[in-house]
Protein backbone atom coordinates (compact mmCIF):
# COMPACT_ATOMS: atom_id res chain seq x y z
CA MET A 1 -4.13 8.97 12.85
CA MET A 2 -7.95 8.84 13.43
CA ARG A 3 -10.70 10.93 12.21
CA LYS A 4 -14.32 10.68 12.33
CA VAL A 5 -17.62 12.66 12.49
CA VAL A 6 -19.49 12.20 15.34
CA ASN A 7 -22.94 14.20 16.25
CA GLY A 8 -21.71 16.34 13.21
CA LYS A 9 -18.17 17.60 14.53
CA LEU A 10 -14.65 16.06 13.27
CA TYR A 11 -12.68 14.57 15.88
CA ASP A 12 -8.91 14.43 14.74
CA THR A 13 -6.39 13.00 16.79
CA ASP A 14 -3.37 14.57 14.60
CA LYS A 15 -4.97 17.92 15.45
CA SER A 16 -5.84 17.34 19.15
CA GLU A 17 -3.53 17.31 22.52
CA LEU A 18 -3.19 13.80 23.75
CA VAL A 19 -3.63 13.81 27.22
CA TYR A 20 -3.47 10.12 28.43
CA THR A 21 -2.60 7.06 27.05
CA GLU A 22 -3.70 4.08 29.20
CA GLU A 23 -0.60 1.38 29.81
CA GLU A 24 -2.04 -1.14 27.48
CA GLY A 25 -2.13 1.37 24.18
CA LYS A 26 -5.59 0.71 23.52
CA ARG A 27 -7.44 3.48 24.62
CA TRP A 28 -6.24 7.26 24.23
CA LEU A 29 -7.77 10.65 25.65
CA TYR A 30 -7.51 13.47 23.78
CA ARG A 31 -8.75 17.00 23.64
CA THR A 32 -9.59 19.40 20.82
CA LYS A 33 -8.15 22.89 20.14
CA LYS A 34 -11.87 23.91 21.21
CA GLY A 35 -11.54 22.05 24.88
CA ASN A 36 -13.48 18.99 23.91
CA PHE A 37 -12.67 15.87 25.22
CA PHE A 38 -12.65 12.37 23.17
CA LYS A 39 -11.51 8.78 23.65
CA ALA A 40 -10.08 6.86 20.71
CA TYR A 41 -10.11 3.15 21.00
CA SER A 42 -7.36 0.63 19.35
CA THR A 43 -10.64 -0.41 17.41
CA ASN A 44 -10.43 3.18 15.54
CA ASP A 45 -13.58 4.07 17.84
CA ILE A 46 -13.95 7.94 18.35
CA VAL A 47 -16.38 8.50 21.19
CA PRO A 48 -16.69 12.10 22.65
CA ILE A 49 -16.99 12.53 26.41
CA THR A 50 -18.24 15.44 28.63
CA ASP A 51 -15.66 17.37 30.81
CA GLU A 52 -17.52 15.47 33.97
CA GLN A 53 -16.82 11.93 32.20
CA ALA A 54 -12.95 13.40 31.42
CA LYS A 55 -12.65 14.34 35.40
CA GLU A 56 -14.05 11.27 36.55
CA TYR A 57 -11.85 9.43 33.83
CA LEU A 58 -8.39 11.33 34.98
CA GLY A 59 -9.13 11.29 38.81
CA GLU A 60 -9.00 7.41 38.73
CA HIS A 61 -5.98 7.27 36.04
CA ASP A 62 -3.84 9.98 36.41
CA VAL A 63 -4.02 13.01 39.38
CA GLU A 64 -1.52 15.20 38.23
CA LYS A 65 -3.45 15.46 34.64
CA TYR A 66 -6.39 15.99 36.43
CA ILE A 67 -5.11 18.76 38.24
CA GLU A 68 -3.51 20.62 35.32
CA TYR A 69 -6.80 20.49 33.10
CA PHE A 70 -9.19 20.90 36.14
CA GLY A 71 -7.22 22.42 38.79
CA GLU A 72 -6.72 21.42 42.55
CA PRO A 73 -9.73 19.29 44.07
CA GLU A 74 -10.84 19.93 47.46
CA GLU A 75 -9.36 17.42 50.20
CA ALA A 76 -11.85 14.89 51.29
């Protein structure tokens, strides 16, 4: 469990949805009940990220999760 207040908002891994775990288990991507994304690190740091940053991250790491949260991307 990690909890941290960042910019006046509480980020709590126990109350958020785990979206993605890196294979090394040192970084996790979560989404709060209000739909805000944040990264949690094994160093107990929590870093809020924008939807665009979450899109980029999931696009690089887990295409199925990208589609689940942001819809089917346009073909290149």
